[in-house]
C-alpha atoms as a PDB file:
ATOM      1  CA  MET A   1      71.496 -74.951  80.021  1.00  0.00           C
ATOM      2  CA  ARG A   2      68.404 -77.071  79.514  1.00  0.00           C
ATOM      3  CA  TYR A   3      65.567 -75.743  81.631  1.00  0.00           C
ATOM      4  CA  GLN A   4      63.703 -78.117  83.894  1.00  0.00           C
ATOM      5  CA  ALA A   5      60.553 -76.108  83.233  1.00  0.00           C
ATOM      6  CA  ILE A   6      59.298 -73.253  81.085  1.00  0.00           C
ATOM      7  CA  LEU A   7      56.360 -71.397  82.600  1.00  0.00           C
ATOM      8  CA  PHE A   8      53.886 -69.259  80.652  1.00  0.00           C
ATOM      9  CA  ASP A   9      51.481 -66.606  81.821  1.00  0.00           C
ATOM     10  CA  LEU A  10      48.130 -66.671  79.992  1.00  0.00           C
ATOM     11  CA  ASP A  11      46.319 -63.316  79.924  1.00  0.00           C
ATOM     12  CA  GLY A  12      48.299 -60.823  77.865  1.00  0.00           C
ATOM     13  CA  THR A  13      51.055 -63.343  77.139  1.00  0.00           C
ATOM     14  CA  LEU A  14      49.778 -66.440  75.357  1.00  0.00           C
ATOM     15  CA  LEU A  15      46.356 -64.784  74.998  1.00  0.00           C
ATOM     16  CA  PRO A  16      46.538 -61.175  73.776  1.00  0.00           C
ATOM     17  CA  MET A  17      44.018 -58.952  75.538  1.00  0.00           C
ATOM     18  CA  GLU A  18      43.351 -55.595  77.099  1.00  0.00           C
ATOM     19  CA  LEU A  19      42.424 -56.174  80.721  1.00  0.00           C
ATOM     20  CA  GLU A  20      39.868 -53.398  81.186  1.00  0.00           C
ATOM     21  CA  PRO A  21      37.529 -54.401  78.310  1.00  0.00           C
ATOM     22  CA  PHE A  22      37.954 -58.069  79.239  1.00  0.00           C
ATOM     23  CA  ALA A  23      37.052 -57.437  82.880  1.00  0.00           C
ATOM     24  CA  LYS A  24      34.026 -55.335  81.882  1.00  0.00           C
ATOM     25  CA  ILE A  25      32.536 -58.051  79.657  1.00  0.00           C
ATOM     26  CA  TYR A  26      33.410 -60.813  82.114  1.00  0.00           C
ATOM     27  CA  PHE A  27      31.911 -59.056  85.106  1.00  0.00           C
ATOM     28  CA  GLY A  28      28.746 -58.081  83.252  1.00  0.00           C
ATOM     29  CA  ALA A  29      28.136 -61.645  82.093  1.00  0.00           C
ATOM     30  CA  LEU A  30      28.787 -63.064  85.574  1.00  0.00           C
ATOM     31  CA  ALA A  31      26.431 -60.541  87.169  1.00  0.00           C
ATOM     32  CA  LYS A  32      23.600 -61.778  84.949  1.00  0.00           C
ATOM     33  CA  VAL A  33      23.839 -65.373  86.191  1.00  0.00           C
ATOM     34  CA  LEU A  34      23.979 -64.200  89.815  1.00  0.00           C
ATOM     35  CA  ALA A  35      20.936 -61.937  89.500  1.00  0.00           C
ATOM     36  CA  PRO A  36      18.573 -64.607  90.950  1.00  0.00           C
ATOM     37  CA  PHE A  37      20.479 -64.269  94.247  1.00  0.00           C
ATOM     38  CA  GLY A  38      19.490 -60.622  94.529  1.00  0.00           C
ATOM     39  CA  LEU A  39      22.838 -59.359  93.275  1.00  0.00           C
ATOM     40  CA  THR A  40      23.155 -56.571  90.735  1.00  0.00           C
ATOM     41  CA  PRO A  41      26.328 -55.392  89.021  1.00  0.00           C
ATOM     42  CA  GLU A  42      26.355 -52.490  91.504  1.00  0.00           C
ATOM     43  CA  THR A  43      25.899 -54.585  94.662  1.00  0.00           C
ATOM     44  CA  MET A  44      28.241 -57.325  93.431  1.00  0.00           C
ATOM     45  CA  PHE A  45      31.138 -55.152  92.342  1.00  0.00           C
ATOM     46  CA  LYS A  46      32.763 -54.353  95.696  1.00  0.00           C
ATOM     47  CA  PRO A  47      32.312 -57.816  97.302  1.00  0.00           C
ATOM     48  CA  PHE A  48      33.579 -59.591  94.200  1.00  0.00           C
ATOM     49  CA  TRP A  49      36.726 -57.522  93.898  1.00  0.00           C
ATOM     50  CA  ALA A  50      37.301 -57.607  97.662  1.00  0.00           C
ATOM     51  CA  ALA A  51      37.187 -61.415  97.482  1.00  0.00           C
ATOM     52  CA  THR A  52      39.532 -61.374  94.487  1.00  0.00           C
ATOM     53  CA  LYS A  53      41.954 -59.103  96.338  1.00  0.00           C
ATOM     54  CA  ALA A  54      41.810 -61.460  99.320  1.00  0.00           C
ATOM     55  CA  MET A  55      43.091 -64.224  97.031  1.00  0.00           C
ATOM     56  CA  MET A  56      45.818 -61.959  95.676  1.00  0.00           C
ATOM     57  CA  VAL A  57      47.240 -61.409  99.163  1.00  0.00           C
ATOM     58  CA  ASN A  58      46.422 -64.866 100.528  1.00  0.00           C
ATOM     59  CA  THR A  59      48.977 -66.058 103.078  1.00  0.00           C
ATOM     60  CA  THR A  60      46.529 -68.004 105.256  1.00  0.00           C
ATOM     61  CA  GLY A  61      47.499 -71.459 104.016  1.00  0.00           C
ATOM     62  CA  LYS A  62      43.948 -71.892 102.748  1.00  0.00           C
ATOM     63  CA  LEU A  63      43.118 -72.611  99.111  1.00  0.00           C
ATOM     64  CA  ASN A  64      42.416 -69.470  97.103  1.00  0.00           C
ATOM     65  CA  SER A  65      38.905 -70.761  96.389  1.00  0.00           C
ATOM     66  CA  ASP A  66      38.150 -71.019 100.110  1.00  0.00           C
ATOM     67  CA  VAL A  67      39.461 -67.500 100.701  1.00  0.00           C
ATOM     68  CA  PHE A  68      37.353 -66.141  97.841  1.00  0.00           C
ATOM     69  CA  TRP A  69      34.086 -67.715  98.944  1.00  0.00           C
ATOM     70  CA  GLU A  70      34.567 -66.957 102.619  1.00  0.00           C
ATOM     71  CA  THR A  71      35.079 -63.293 101.774  1.00  0.00           C
ATOM     72  CA  PHE A  72      32.328 -63.085  99.170  1.00  0.00           C
ATOM     73  CA  SER A  73      29.753 -64.853 101.358  1.00  0.00           C
ATOM     74  CA  ALA A  74      30.573 -62.700 104.377  1.00  0.00           C
ATOM     75  CA  LEU A  75      30.017 -59.527 102.340  1.00  0.00           C
ATOM     76  CA  THR A  76      26.904 -60.606 100.422  1.00  0.00           C
ATOM     77  CA  GLY A  77      25.199 -63.245 102.543  1.00  0.00           C
ATOM     78  CA  VAL A  78      25.149 -65.547  99.516  1.00  0.00           C
ATOM     79  CA  GLN A  79      26.239 -69.042 100.495  1.00  0.00           C
ATOM     80  CA  ARG A  80      28.959 -70.800  98.561  1.00  0.00           C
ATOM     81  CA  GLU A  81      27.114 -74.096  98.187  1.00  0.00           C
ATOM     82  CA  ALA A  82      24.208 -72.314  96.500  1.00  0.00           C
ATOM     83  CA  VAL A  83      26.129 -70.215  94.012  1.00  0.00           C
ATOM     84  CA  GLU A  84      29.398 -72.049  93.265  1.00  0.00           C
ATOM     85  CA  PRO A  85      27.829 -74.680  90.927  1.00  0.00           C
ATOM     86  CA  ILE A  86      26.210 -71.862  88.949  1.00  0.00           C
ATOM     87  CA  CYS A  87      29.534 -70.053  88.674  1.00  0.00           C
ATOM     88  CA  ASP A  88      31.289 -73.252  87.560  1.00  0.00           C
ATOM     89  CA  ALA A  89      28.714 -73.662  84.783  1.00  0.00           C
ATOM     90  CA  PHE A  90      29.196 -70.006  83.834  1.00  0.00           C
ATOM     91  CA  TYR A  91      32.905 -70.524  83.164  1.00  0.00           C
ATOM     92  CA  ASN A  92      32.006 -73.222  80.634  1.00  0.00           C
ATOM     93  CA  GLU A  93      29.273 -71.178  78.968  1.00  0.00           C
ATOM     94  CA  GLY A  94      28.616 -67.474  79.620  1.00  0.00           C
ATOM     95  CA  PHE A  95      32.311 -66.723  80.073  1.00  0.00           C
ATOM     96  CA  GLN A  96      32.706 -67.296  76.335  1.00  0.00           C
ATOM     97  CA  THR A  97      31.433 -63.753  75.710  1.00  0.00           C
ATOM     98  CA  ALA A  98      34.686 -62.334  77.125  1.00  0.00           C
ATOM     99  CA  ARG A  99      36.504 -63.720  74.115  1.00  0.00           C
ATOM    100  CA  ALA A 100      35.449 -60.543  72.310  1.00  0.00           C
ATOM    101  CA  ALA A 101      38.065 -58.634  74.342  1.00  0.00           C
ATOM    102  CA  THR A 102      40.902 -60.951  73.267  1.00  0.00           C
ATOM    103  CA  ARG A 103      42.842 -61.397  70.047  1.00  0.00           C
ATOM    104  CA  GLU A 104      44.101 -64.378  68.080  1.00  0.00           C
ATOM    105  CA  ASN A 105      47.644 -65.619  68.634  1.00  0.00           C
ATOM    106  CA  PRO A 106      48.618 -68.062  65.893  1.00  0.00           C
ATOM    107  CA  LEU A 107      52.018 -68.576  67.545  1.00  0.00           C
ATOM    108  CA  ALA A 108      50.666 -69.749  70.913  1.00  0.00           C
ATOM    109  CA  ARG A 109      50.496 -73.448  70.049  1.00  0.00           C
ATOM    110  CA  GLU A 110      53.899 -73.244  68.363  1.00  0.00           C
ATOM    111  CA  ALA A 111      55.401 -71.711  71.506  1.00  0.00           C
ATOM    112  CA  ILE A 112      54.082 -74.545  73.665  1.00  0.00           C
ATOM    113  CA  ARG A 113      55.267 -77.166  71.174  1.00  0.00           C
ATOM    114  CA  ILE A 114      58.795 -75.727  71.151  1.00  0.00           C
ATOM    115  CA  ALA A 115      58.828 -75.366  74.937  1.00  0.00           C
ATOM    116  CA  ARG A 116      58.012 -79.071  75.232  1.00  0.00           C
ATOM    117  CA  GLU A 117      61.089 -79.839  73.146  1.00  0.00           C
ATOM    118  CA  LYS A 118      63.318 -77.515  75.150  1.00  0.00           C
ATOM    119  CA  ALA A 119      62.291 -78.276  78.742  1.00  0.00           C
ATOM    120  CA  ASP A 120      61.253 -81.245  80.843  1.00  0.00           C
ATOM    121  CA  LYS A 121      58.041 -79.555  82.027  1.00  0.00           C
ATOM    122  CA  VAL A 122      55.744 -76.859  80.669  1.00  0.00           C
ATOM    123  CA  VAL A 123      53.523 -74.965  83.123  1.00  0.00           C
ATOM    124  CA  LEU A 124      50.619 -72.595  82.651  1.00  0.00           C
ATOM    125  CA  ALA A 125      51.479 -70.126  85.410  1.00  0.00           C
ATOM    126  CA  THR A 126      48.356 -67.990  85.148  1.00  0.00           C
ATOM    127  CA  ASN A 127      47.305 -66.294  88.352  1.00  0.00           C
ATOM    128  CA  PRO A 128      45.040 -68.801  90.150  1.00  0.00           C
ATOM    129  CA  LEU A 129      41.983 -66.561  90.443  1.00  0.00           C
ATOM    130  CA  PHE A 130      39.675 -68.765  88.339  1.00  0.00           C
ATOM    131  CA  PRO A 131      38.436 -72.341  88.637  1.00  0.00           C
ATOM    132  CA  MET A 132      39.910 -74.833  86.178  1.00  0.00           C
ATOM    133  CA  ALA A 133      36.891 -74.329  83.904  1.00  0.00           C
ATOM    134  CA  GLY A 134      37.892 -70.686  83.487  1.00  0.00           C
ATOM    135  CA  GLN A 135      41.464 -71.624  82.598  1.00  0.00           C
ATOM    136  CA  LYS A 136      40.225 -74.279  80.165  1.00  0.00           C
ATOM    137  CA  THR A 137      37.866 -71.894  78.399  1.00  0.00           C
ATOM    138  CA  ARG A 138      40.517 -69.209  77.879  1.00  0.00           C
ATOM    139  CA  LEU A 139      42.994 -71.808  76.632  1.00  0.00           C
ATOM    140  CA  SER A 140      40.414 -73.074  74.149  1.00  0.00           C
ATOM    141  CA  TRP A 141      40.421 -69.665  72.457  1.00  0.00           C
ATOM    142  CA  LEU A 142      44.034 -70.433  71.513  1.00  0.00           C
ATOM    143  CA  GLY A 143      43.413 -74.016  70.423  1.00  0.00           C
ATOM    144  CA  LEU A 144      45.075 -75.256  73.619  1.00  0.00           C
ATOM    145  CA  ALA A 145      43.882 -77.347  76.563  1.00  0.00           C
ATOM    146  CA  PRO A 146      45.051 -78.049  80.129  1.00  0.00           C
ATOM    147  CA  GLU A 147      46.388 -81.384  78.859  1.00  0.00           C
ATOM    148  CA  ASP A 148      49.012 -79.471  76.869  1.00  0.00           C
ATOM    149  CA  PHE A 149      50.699 -78.562  80.163  1.00  0.00           C
ATOM    150  CA  ASP A 150      52.223 -80.520  83.012  1.00  0.00           C
ATOM    151  CA  LEU A 151      50.512 -78.178  85.476  1.00  0.00           C
ATOM    152  CA  VAL A 152      47.832 -75.497  85.228  1.00  0.00           C
ATOM    153  CA  THR A 153      47.378 -73.392  88.345  1.00  0.00           C
ATOM    154  CA  CYS A 154      43.823 -72.537  89.422  1.00  0.00           C
ATOM    155  CA  TYR A 155      42.004 -71.314  92.505  1.00  0.00           C
ATOM    156  CA  THR A 156      40.998 -74.763  93.750  1.00  0.00           C
ATOM    157  CA  SER A 157      44.588 -76.066  93.781  1.00  0.00           C
ATOM    158  CA  ASP A 158      46.708 -73.059  94.784  1.00  0.00           C
ATOM    159  CA  ARG A 159      47.246 -71.153  98.028  1.00  0.00           C
ATOM    160  CA  HIS A 160      49.132 -68.107  96.753  1.00  0.00           C
ATOM    161  CA  CYS A 161      49.008 -65.663  93.854  1.00  0.00           C
ATOM    162  CA  LYS A 162      51.479 -63.594  91.918  1.00  0.00           C
ATOM    163  CA  PRO A 163      53.243 -61.324  92.863  1.00  0.00           C
ATOM    164  CA  ASN A 164      54.008 -63.436  95.953  1.00  0.00           C
ATOM    165  CA  PRO A 165      57.146 -65.509  95.148  1.00  0.00           C
ATOM    166  CA  ALA A 166      55.551 -68.302  97.204  1.00  0.00           C
ATOM    167  CA  TYR A 167      53.306 -68.898  94.171  1.00  0.00           C
ATOM    168  CA  PHE A 168      56.341 -70.014  92.159  1.00  0.00           C
ATOM    169  CA  HIS A 169      57.872 -71.849  95.108  1.00  0.00           C
ATOM    170  CA  ASP A 170      54.673 -73.913  95.345  1.00  0.00           C
ATOM    171  CA  ILE A 171      54.887 -74.836  91.658  1.00  0.00           C
ATOM    172  CA  CYS A 172      58.496 -75.924  92.057  1.00  0.00           C
ATOM    173  CA  GLN A 173      57.652 -78.022  95.093  1.00  0.00           C
ATOM    174  CA  ARG A 174      54.749 -79.737  93.323  1.00  0.00           C
ATOM    175  CA  LEU A 175      56.852 -80.620  90.269  1.00  0.00           C
ATOM    176  CA  ASP A 176      60.182 -81.146  92.059  1.00  0.00           C
ATOM    177  CA  LEU A 177      61.860 -78.277  90.220  1.00  0.00           C
ATOM    178  CA  ASP A 178      64.915 -76.172  90.966  1.00  0.00           C
ATOM    179  CA  PRO A 179      63.831 -72.517  90.499  1.00  0.00           C
ATOM    180  CA  ALA A 180      67.284 -71.696  89.134  1.00  0.00           C
ATOM    181  CA  LYS A 181      66.542 -74.061  86.249  1.00  0.00           C
ATOM    182  CA  CYS A 182      63.162 -72.551  85.341  1.00  0.00           C
ATOM    183  CA  LEU A 183      62.176 -69.814  82.890  1.00  0.00           C
ATOM    184  CA  MET A 184      59.049 -67.685  83.400  1.00  0.00           C
ATOM    185  CA  ILE A 185      57.542 -65.965  80.351  1.00  0.00           C
ATOM    186  CA  GLY A 186      54.985 -63.241  81.036  1.00  0.00           C
ATOM    187  CA  ASN A 187      53.778 -59.732  80.211  1.00  0.00           C
ATOM    188  CA  ASP A 188      53.595 -58.126  83.662  1.00  0.00           C
ATOM    189  CA  ASP A 189      56.690 -56.403  85.041  1.00  0.00           C
ATOM    190  CA  ARG A 190      55.661 -56.896  88.663  1.00  0.00           C
ATOM    191  CA  GLU A 191      53.569 -60.066  88.771  1.00  0.00           C
ATOM    192  CA  ASP A 192      55.624 -62.082  86.289  1.00  0.00           C
ATOM    193  CA  MET A 193      59.140 -60.662  85.983  1.00  0.00           C
ATOM    194  CA  HIS A 194      60.010 -59.353  89.438  1.00  0.00           C
ATOM    195  CA  CYS A 195      58.067 -62.127  91.152  1.00  0.00           C
ATOM    196  CA  ALA A 196      59.799 -64.891  89.190  1.00  0.00           C
ATOM    197  CA  ILE A 197      63.219 -63.348  89.777  1.00  0.00           C
ATOM    198  CA  ALA A 198      62.477 -63.098  93.493  1.00  0.00           C
ATOM    199  CA  ALA A 199      61.643 -66.811  93.439  1.00  0.00           C
ATOM    200  CA  GLY A 200      65.033 -67.563  91.843  1.00  0.00           C
ATOM    201  CA  MET A 201      63.913 -68.109  88.240  1.00  0.00           C
ATOM    202  CA  ASP A 202      64.959 -66.625  84.924  1.00  0.00           C
ATOM    203  CA  ALA A 203      62.361 -64.372  83.308  1.00  0.00           C
ATOM    204  CA  TYR A 204      61.464 -63.061  79.851  1.00  0.00           C
ATOM    205  CA  LEU A 205      59.017 -60.208  79.289  1.00  0.00           C
ATOM    206  CA  VAL A 206      56.627 -60.411  76.328  1.00  0.00           C
ATOM    207  CA  THR A 207      55.961 -56.809  75.328  1.00  0.00           C
ATOM    208  CA  ASP A 208      52.907 -57.066  73.025  1.00  0.00           C
ATOM    209  CA  CYS A 209      50.454 -56.476  75.906  1.00  0.00           C
ATOM    210  CA  ARG A 210      52.943 -55.341  78.513  1.00  0.00           C
ATOM    211  CA  LEU A 211      51.755 -54.295  81.966  1.00  0.00           C
ATOM    212  CA  PRO A 212      54.599 -52.028  83.143  1.00  0.00           C
ATOM    213  CA  ASP A 213      55.646 -51.310  86.687  1.00  0.00           C
ATOM    214  CA  PRO A 214      56.141 -47.514  86.716  1.00  0.00           C
ATOM    215  CA  GLU A 215      58.086 -47.630  89.965  1.00  0.00           C
ATOM    216  CA  ASN A 216      60.366 -50.494  88.965  1.00  0.00           C
ATOM    217  CA  PRO A 217      60.284 -51.078  85.201  1.00  0.00           C
ATOM    218  CA  TRP A 218      61.688 -54.390  84.015  1.00  0.00           C
ATOM    219  CA  GLN A 219      65.112 -53.920  82.434  1.00  0.00           C
ATOM    220  CA  GLY A 220      65.886 -57.555  81.659  1.00  0.00           C
ATOM    221  CA  ALA A 221      65.293 -59.860  78.697  1.00  0.00           C
ATOM    222  CA  GLN A 222      62.264 -58.839  76.651  1.00  0.00           C
ATOM    223  CA  GLY A 223      60.727 -58.800  73.203  1.00  0.00           C
ATOM    224  CA  THR A 224      57.580 -59.438  71.217  1.00  0.00           C
ATOM    225  CA  PHE A 225      55.846 -62.795  71.356  1.00  0.00           C
ATOM    226  CA  ALA A 226      57.339 -63.658  67.967  1.00  0.00           C
ATOM    227  CA  GLU A 227      60.819 -62.766  69.228  1.00  0.00           C
ATOM    228  CA  MET A 228      60.241 -64.904  72.306  1.00  0.00           C
ATOM    229  CA  VAL A 229      59.383 -67.881  70.089  1.00  0.00           C
ATOM    230  CA  GLU A 230      62.653 -67.417  68.230  1.00  0.00           C
ATOM    231  CA  LEU A 231      64.468 -67.341  71.561  1.00  0.00           C
ATOM    232  CA  LEU A 232      62.872 -70.647  72.557  1.00  0.00           C
ATOM    233  CA  LYS A 233      64.078 -72.179  69.308  1.00  0.00           C
ATOM    234  CA  SER A 234      67.638 -71.150  70.145  1.00  0.00           C
ATOM    235  CA  LEU A 235      67.707 -72.684  73.624  1.00  0.00           C
END
């Protein structure tokens, strides 16, 4: 069967990384640019992650970006219109320091090239917790760009997050896709594999930077990134 779309997760899939060191560098760099607003890493930590969690469980119908800033502003008193432009600039500049917590993946561009040959659409299905600038910067570390995909999800365009199957349903609606004719490739048992299956898609687990679900470990198709590339070739 020719897939209508092949979807790729970014962090830990296309872009090898360990989440804890990445988050530590990222948060520290972001805290520095928000210091003029009276925020310190200590006072910013809980509001920031509360706002991020609000996006993760968003079922309000609002854009994830609106949910984030409403929550963050309510907890800190910092107004969105004052700080959002500074954050957008950060994702083009200061965010680059987080690259130190990632690794090279010379097969990433090859995987996208092959996927383009094997499917009608190729989607970057990274959890939409960042603005497009954040997605673009992380892709650049792989020699890729948003233009290499038919759709890149981000927090200003999406209203759900993984592991809510509605995230994948939204993608299918936007691109006129049949979920049963889509393949999701990711590294997270829960957010990628079980979520995609619940949405009606096929799923393949990349194990290099696997995030396991201890309560419900993924038992389906899986392998290293290199093995996944070979699978794409065989489609």
